[in-house]
Amino acid sequence: MKWYLLLICLLLNACSTLPVAIKNPPLHDISYVEVTQKTANYKDAPVRWGGIIVDVENEQNFSLVQVLYYPLDSEGEPETDRQNAGRFVFKSSAFLDPAVYTKNAKITVAGTLTGDIERTIGKKVMRLPLISATTIYLWPVYEYDSRYDGFGYGYGYNPYYGGYPYYWGNYYWPSASPFMHPPFRRFR
């Protein structure tokens, strides 16, 4: 019986798609506010920050991404319903396609703080913290479809979304097609 429990725990753990550096914060998790007050004191410190992409700049050998900072939840996802604290920039040695890393997409970055960088926002010149990224995680986008709001729970036949079984309620709608999961549809 113990072996079955161990096997189940290992299988459930293997289903996690988040990179370890994104899911687990660094040992000394440094806040954005601390860094903006004295950036030089935290040079080469490991950080895990996230937010919403503002801009992507691709140079010959690297990419710079400007991010509007939001605090992270326990899984490392930016909590965009909370107050943002400012902006930061991360540098990646890989080419980051602006068609994939689109404006307003949620992102979490793990890496080391290398200093700061000067950026012009509107007509104001600002110094923003600069991170050398080692791990980048772009959060998937889900859209709520209000046409499928229901009043109860149950199983039944649904000819439009892959047949039987079909669970109805406000929370979960499995279907035969991996692309059609009302009320949530995955776009990225």
C-alpha atoms as a PDB file:
ATOM      1  CA  MET A   1       0.000   0.000   0.000  1.00  0.00           C
ATOM      2  CA  LYS A   2       2.868   2.380   0.787  1.00  0.00           C
ATOM      3  CA  TRP A   3       4.316   1.865  -2.679  1.00  0.00           C
ATOM      4  CA  TYR A   4       1.029   2.832  -4.311  1.00  0.00           C
ATOM      5  CA  LEU A   5       0.873   6.066  -2.315  1.00  0.00           C
ATOM      6  CA  LEU A   6       4.476   6.859  -3.213  1.00  0.00           C
ATOM      7  CA  LEU A   7       3.776   6.189  -6.895  1.00  0.00           C
ATOM      8  CA  ILE A   8       0.667   8.400  -6.848  1.00  0.00           C
ATOM      9  CA  CYS A   9       2.607  11.228  -5.160  1.00  0.00           C
ATOM     10  CA  LEU A  10       5.395  10.972  -7.732  1.00  0.00           C
ATOM     11  CA  LEU A  11       2.937  10.989 -10.624  1.00  0.00           C
ATOM     12  CA  LEU A  12       1.072  14.014  -9.269  1.00  0.00           C
ATOM     13  CA  ASN A  13       4.344  15.835  -8.739  1.00  0.00           C
ATOM     14  CA  ALA A  14       5.414  15.044 -12.322  1.00  0.00           C
ATOM     15  CA  CYS A  15       2.233  16.704 -13.627  1.00  0.00           C
ATOM     16  CA  SER A  16       3.397  20.124 -12.476  1.00  0.00           C
ATOM     17  CA  THR A  17       4.356  22.224 -15.511  1.00  0.00           C
ATOM     18  CA  LEU A  18       5.898  25.164 -13.668  1.00  0.00           C
ATOM     19  CA  PRO A  19       9.688  25.394 -13.682  1.00  0.00           C
ATOM     20  CA  VAL A  20      11.209  24.965 -10.215  1.00  0.00           C
ATOM     21  CA  ALA A  21      12.798  28.435 -10.297  1.00  0.00           C
ATOM     22  CA  ILE A  22       9.358  29.977 -10.899  1.00  0.00           C
ATOM     23  CA  LYS A  23       7.412  27.872  -8.401  1.00  0.00           C
ATOM     24  CA  ASN A  24       9.923  28.229  -5.542  1.00  0.00           C
ATOM     25  CA  PRO A  25      11.204  31.674  -4.495  1.00  0.00           C
ATOM     26  CA  PRO A  26      14.921  32.224  -3.768  1.00  0.00           C
ATOM     27  CA  LEU A  27      16.136  31.582  -0.224  1.00  0.00           C
ATOM     28  CA  HIS A  28      16.316  35.331   0.483  1.00  0.00           C
ATOM     29  CA  ASP A  29      13.388  36.685  -1.512  1.00  0.00           C
ATOM     30  CA  ILE A  30      14.173  40.362  -2.086  1.00  0.00           C
ATOM     31  CA  SER A  31      11.216  42.657  -2.658  1.00  0.00           C
ATOM     32  CA  TYR A  32      10.966  45.158  -5.469  1.00  0.00           C
ATOM     33  CA  VAL A  33      10.674  48.086  -3.028  1.00  0.00           C
ATOM     34  CA  GLU A  34      13.946  47.122  -1.279  1.00  0.00           C
ATOM     35  CA  VAL A  35      15.811  46.971  -4.575  1.00  0.00           C
ATOM     36  CA  THR A  36      14.520  50.291  -5.910  1.00  0.00           C
ATOM     37  CA  GLN A  37      15.732  52.076  -2.770  1.00  0.00           C
ATOM     38  CA  LYS A  38      19.347  50.798  -3.006  1.00  0.00           C
ATOM     39  CA  THR A  39      19.968  48.809  -6.192  1.00  0.00           C
ATOM     40  CA  ALA A  40      23.759  48.659  -5.689  1.00  0.00           C
ATOM     41  CA  ASN A  41      23.344  46.779  -2.384  1.00  0.00           C
ATOM     42  CA  TYR A  42      21.593  43.880  -4.094  1.00  0.00           C
ATOM     43  CA  LYS A  43      23.825  43.364  -7.138  1.00  0.00           C
ATOM     44  CA  ASP A  44      24.111  39.667  -8.142  1.00  0.00           C
ATOM     45  CA  ALA A  45      21.286  38.717  -5.758  1.00  0.00           C
ATOM     46  CA  PRO A  46      18.804  36.060  -6.964  1.00  0.00           C
ATOM     47  CA  VAL A  47      15.284  37.369  -7.570  1.00  0.00           C
ATOM     48  CA  ARG A  48      11.941  36.052  -8.785  1.00  0.00           C
ATOM     49  CA  TRP A  49       9.659  38.813 -10.023  1.00  0.00           C
ATOM     50  CA  GLY A  50       6.685  39.023 -12.310  1.00  0.00           C
ATOM     51  CA  GLY A  51       4.080  41.237 -13.826  1.00  0.00           C
ATOM     52  CA  ILE A  52       2.679  42.325 -17.164  1.00  0.00           C
ATOM     53  CA  ILE A  53       4.814  42.870 -20.269  1.00  0.00           C
ATOM     54  CA  VAL A  54       5.016  46.506 -21.368  1.00  0.00           C
ATOM     55  CA  ASP A  55       7.624  46.391 -24.147  1.00  0.00           C
ATOM     56  CA  VAL A  56      10.012  43.978 -25.911  1.00  0.00           C
ATOM     57  CA  GLU A  57      13.244  45.233 -27.505  1.00  0.00           C
ATOM     58  CA  ASN A  58      15.360  42.831 -29.552  1.00  0.00           C
ATOM     59  CA  GLU A  59      19.029  43.633 -30.097  1.00  0.00           C
ATOM     60  CA  GLN A  60      21.542  41.625 -32.130  1.00  0.00           C
ATOM     61  CA  ASN A  61      22.549  39.204 -29.321  1.00  0.00           C
ATOM     62  CA  PHE A  62      19.906  39.645 -26.617  1.00  0.00           C
ATOM     63  CA  SER A  63      16.369  40.784 -25.812  1.00  0.00           C
ATOM     64  CA  LEU A  64      15.242  43.350 -23.239  1.00  0.00           C
ATOM     65  CA  VAL A  65      11.722  43.103 -21.844  1.00  0.00           C
ATOM     66  CA  GLN A  66      10.154  45.860 -19.758  1.00  0.00           C
ATOM     67  CA  VAL A  67       7.650  44.565 -17.198  1.00  0.00           C
ATOM     68  CA  LEU A  68       5.118  46.331 -14.984  1.00  0.00           C
ATOM     69  CA  TYR A  69       5.822  44.744 -11.574  1.00  0.00           C
ATOM     70  CA  TYR A  70       3.079  42.995  -9.558  1.00  0.00           C
ATOM     71  CA  PRO A  71       3.527  40.903  -6.397  1.00  0.00           C
ATOM     72  CA  LEU A  72       3.509  37.121  -6.887  1.00  0.00           C
ATOM     73  CA  ASP A  73       1.196  34.557  -5.322  1.00  0.00           C
ATOM     74  CA  SER A  74       2.392  31.293  -3.742  1.00  0.00           C
ATOM     75  CA  GLU A  75       2.738  29.631  -7.168  1.00  0.00           C
ATOM     76  CA  GLY A  76       4.707  32.526  -8.653  1.00  0.00           C
ATOM     77  CA  GLU A  77       1.892  34.016 -10.752  1.00  0.00           C
ATOM     78  CA  PRO A  78       1.560  37.829 -10.782  1.00  0.00           C
ATOM     79  CA  GLU A  79      -1.445  39.072  -8.822  1.00  0.00           C
ATOM     80  CA  THR A  80      -2.689  41.715 -11.247  1.00  0.00           C
ATOM     81  CA  ASP A  81      -5.655  42.599  -9.045  1.00  0.00           C
ATOM     82  CA  ARG A  82      -3.242  44.156  -6.518  1.00  0.00           C
ATOM     83  CA  GLN A  83      -1.391  47.482  -6.758  1.00  0.00           C
ATOM     84  CA  ASN A  84       1.678  47.551  -9.014  1.00  0.00           C
ATOM     85  CA  ALA A  85       4.899  48.930  -7.592  1.00  0.00           C
ATOM     86  CA  GLY A  86       6.763  50.106 -10.675  1.00  0.00           C
ATOM     87  CA  ARG A  87       8.703  48.635 -13.585  1.00  0.00           C
ATOM     88  CA  PHE A  88      11.730  46.459 -14.129  1.00  0.00           C
ATOM     89  CA  VAL A  89      13.633  45.186 -17.157  1.00  0.00           C
ATOM     90  CA  PHE A  90      14.975  41.704 -17.752  1.00  0.00           C
ATOM     91  CA  LYS A  91      17.622  40.665 -20.246  1.00  0.00           C
ATOM     92  CA  SER A  92      17.555  37.335 -22.068  1.00  0.00           C
ATOM     93  CA  SER A  93      20.297  35.946 -24.297  1.00  0.00           C
ATOM     94  CA  ALA A  94      17.595  34.243 -26.388  1.00  0.00           C
ATOM     95  CA  PHE A  95      15.482  35.969 -29.029  1.00  0.00           C
ATOM     96  CA  LEU A  96      12.051  36.728 -27.539  1.00  0.00           C
ATOM     97  CA  ASP A  97       9.517  37.147 -30.324  1.00  0.00           C
ATOM     98  CA  PRO A  98       7.202  40.148 -29.701  1.00  0.00           C
ATOM     99  CA  ALA A  99       4.378  38.161 -31.317  1.00  0.00           C
ATOM    100  CA  VAL A 100       4.662  35.582 -28.491  1.00  0.00           C
ATOM    101  CA  TYR A 101       5.730  37.912 -25.675  1.00  0.00           C
ATOM    102  CA  THR A 102       2.877  40.320 -26.322  1.00  0.00           C
ATOM    103  CA  LYS A 103       1.983  43.484 -24.472  1.00  0.00           C
ATOM    104  CA  ASN A 104      -0.209  42.845 -21.367  1.00  0.00           C
ATOM    105  CA  ALA A 105       0.792  39.157 -21.117  1.00  0.00           C
ATOM    106  CA  LYS A 106       1.540  37.835 -17.607  1.00  0.00           C
ATOM    107  CA  ILE A 107       5.128  36.761 -17.068  1.00  0.00           C
ATOM    108  CA  THR A 108       7.356  35.581 -14.216  1.00  0.00           C
ATOM    109  CA  VAL A 109      11.144  35.773 -14.376  1.00  0.00           C
ATOM    110  CA  ALA A 110      13.850  34.234 -12.192  1.00  0.00           C
ATOM    111  CA  GLY A 111      17.455  35.355 -12.412  1.00  0.00           C
ATOM    112  CA  THR A 112      20.060  37.617 -10.864  1.00  0.00           C
ATOM    113  CA  LEU A 113      19.884  41.351 -10.324  1.00  0.00           C
ATOM    114  CA  THR A 114      22.688  42.932 -12.376  1.00  0.00           C
ATOM    115  CA  GLY A 115      22.086  46.606 -11.605  1.00  0.00           C
ATOM    116  CA  ASP A 116      19.818  49.134 -13.264  1.00  0.00           C
ATOM    117  CA  ILE A 117      19.148  50.487 -16.733  1.00  0.00           C
ATOM    118  CA  GLU A 118      17.946  53.859 -17.976  1.00  0.00           C
ATOM    119  CA  ARG A 119      14.625  53.924 -19.829  1.00  0.00           C
ATOM    120  CA  THR A 120      12.415  56.752 -21.107  1.00  0.00           C
ATOM    121  CA  ILE A 121       8.753  56.385 -20.155  1.00  0.00           C
ATOM    122  CA  GLY A 122       6.734  59.071 -21.855  1.00  0.00           C
ATOM    123  CA  LYS A 123       9.005  62.109 -21.444  1.00  0.00           C
ATOM    124  CA  LYS A 124      10.481  61.011 -18.127  1.00  0.00           C
ATOM    125  CA  VAL A 125      13.863  59.260 -17.882  1.00  0.00           C
ATOM    126  CA  MET A 126      13.897  56.584 -15.171  1.00  0.00           C
ATOM    127  CA  ARG A 127      16.377  54.050 -13.817  1.00  0.00           C
ATOM    128  CA  LEU A 128      14.804  50.583 -13.632  1.00  0.00           C
ATOM    129  CA  PRO A 129      16.182  47.420 -11.983  1.00  0.00           C
ATOM    130  CA  LEU A 130      17.798  45.046 -14.521  1.00  0.00           C
ATOM    131  CA  ILE A 131      17.606  41.277 -14.169  1.00  0.00           C
ATOM    132  CA  SER A 132      19.696  38.760 -16.084  1.00  0.00           C
ATOM    133  CA  ALA A 133      17.031  36.104 -16.674  1.00  0.00           C
ATOM    134  CA  THR A 134      17.767  32.409 -16.209  1.00  0.00           C
ATOM    135  CA  THR A 135      14.141  31.206 -16.264  1.00  0.00           C
ATOM    136  CA  ILE A 136      11.197  32.841 -18.023  1.00  0.00           C
ATOM    137  CA  TYR A 137       7.605  31.646 -17.703  1.00  0.00           C
ATOM    138  CA  LEU A 138       4.819  33.128 -19.812  1.00  0.00           C
ATOM    139  CA  TRP A 139       1.459  32.400 -18.162  1.00  0.00           C
ATOM    140  CA  PRO A 140      -1.283  30.893 -20.377  1.00  0.00           C
ATOM    141  CA  VAL A 141      -4.291  33.040 -21.217  1.00  0.00           C
ATOM    142  CA  TYR A 142      -7.813  31.835 -20.423  1.00  0.00           C
ATOM    143  CA  GLU A 143     -11.014  33.565 -21.440  1.00  0.00           C
ATOM    144  CA  TYR A 144     -14.285  33.147 -19.587  1.00  0.00           C
ATOM    145  CA  ASP A 145     -17.273  32.389 -21.799  1.00  0.00           C
ATOM    146  CA  SER A 146     -20.421  33.649 -20.047  1.00  0.00           C
ATOM    147  CA  ARG A 147     -22.744  31.762 -22.419  1.00  0.00           C
ATOM    148  CA  TYR A 148     -22.178  28.640 -20.322  1.00  0.00           C
ATOM    149  CA  ASP A 149     -23.240  29.938 -16.913  1.00  0.00           C
ATOM    150  CA  GLY A 150     -25.359  27.262 -15.283  1.00  0.00           C
ATOM    151  CA  PHE A 151     -27.412  26.834 -12.172  1.00  0.00           C
ATOM    152  CA  GLY A 152     -26.512  23.390 -10.988  1.00  0.00           C
ATOM    153  CA  TYR A 153     -24.429  20.316 -11.389  1.00  0.00           C
ATOM    154  CA  GLY A 154     -24.948  17.132 -13.273  1.00  0.00           C
ATOM    155  CA  TYR A 155     -23.923  14.872 -16.090  1.00  0.00           C
ATOM    156  CA  GLY A 156     -25.568  14.512 -19.455  1.00  0.00           C
ATOM    157  CA  TYR A 157     -25.102  14.281 -23.186  1.00  0.00           C
ATOM    158  CA  ASN A 158     -23.721  17.225 -25.135  1.00  0.00           C
ATOM    159  CA  PRO A 159     -23.605  16.805 -28.931  1.00  0.00           C
ATOM    160  CA  TYR A 160     -21.768  20.124 -29.443  1.00  0.00           C
ATOM    161  CA  TYR A 161     -18.687  19.448 -27.308  1.00  0.00           C
ATOM    162  CA  GLY A 162     -17.786  15.846 -27.868  1.00  0.00           C
ATOM    163  CA  GLY A 163     -20.705  13.891 -26.460  1.00  0.00           C
ATOM    164  CA  TYR A 164     -20.858  11.997 -23.206  1.00  0.00           C
ATOM    165  CA  PRO A 165     -19.932  12.523 -20.333  1.00  0.00           C
ATOM    166  CA  TYR A 166     -20.686  16.199 -20.027  1.00  0.00           C
ATOM    167  CA  TYR A 167     -20.537  17.908 -16.636  1.00  0.00           C
ATOM    168  CA  TRP A 168     -22.463  21.136 -16.242  1.00  0.00           C
ATOM    169  CA  GLY A 169     -22.123  23.722 -13.532  1.00  0.00           C
ATOM    170  CA  ASN A 170     -20.171  26.903 -13.013  1.00  0.00           C
ATOM    171  CA  TYR A 171     -16.752  25.405 -12.432  1.00  0.00           C
ATOM    172  CA  TYR A 172     -15.653  22.657 -14.805  1.00  0.00           C
ATOM    173  CA  TRP A 173     -16.707  21.558 -18.275  1.00  0.00           C
ATOM    174  CA  PRO A 174     -14.677  18.638 -19.664  1.00  0.00           C
ATOM    175  CA  SER A 175     -15.223  17.620 -23.259  1.00  0.00           C
ATOM    176  CA  ALA A 176     -13.657  15.316 -25.791  1.00  0.00           C
ATOM    177  CA  SER A 177     -11.817  18.147 -27.549  1.00  0.00           C
ATOM    178  CA  PRO A 178      -8.719  19.537 -25.764  1.00  0.00           C
ATOM    179  CA  PHE A 179      -9.339  22.914 -27.417  1.00  0.00           C
ATOM    180  CA  MET A 180     -12.943  23.455 -26.302  1.00  0.00           C
ATOM    181  CA  HIS A 181     -13.311  23.612 -22.540  1.00  0.00           C
ATOM    182  CA  PRO A 182     -16.181  25.965 -21.785  1.00  0.00           C
ATOM    183  CA  PRO A 183     -16.347  28.200 -19.819  1.00  0.00           C
ATOM    184  CA  PHE A 184     -12.546  28.480 -20.143  1.00  0.00           C
ATOM    185  CA  ARG A 185     -10.780  28.269 -23.465  1.00  0.00           C
ATOM    186  CA  ARG A 186      -7.034  28.214 -23.748  1.00  0.00           C
ATOM    187  CA  PHE A 187      -5.660  30.601 -26.365  1.00  0.00           C
ATOM    188  CA  ARG A 188      -1.914  30.294 -25.848  1.00  0.00           C
END
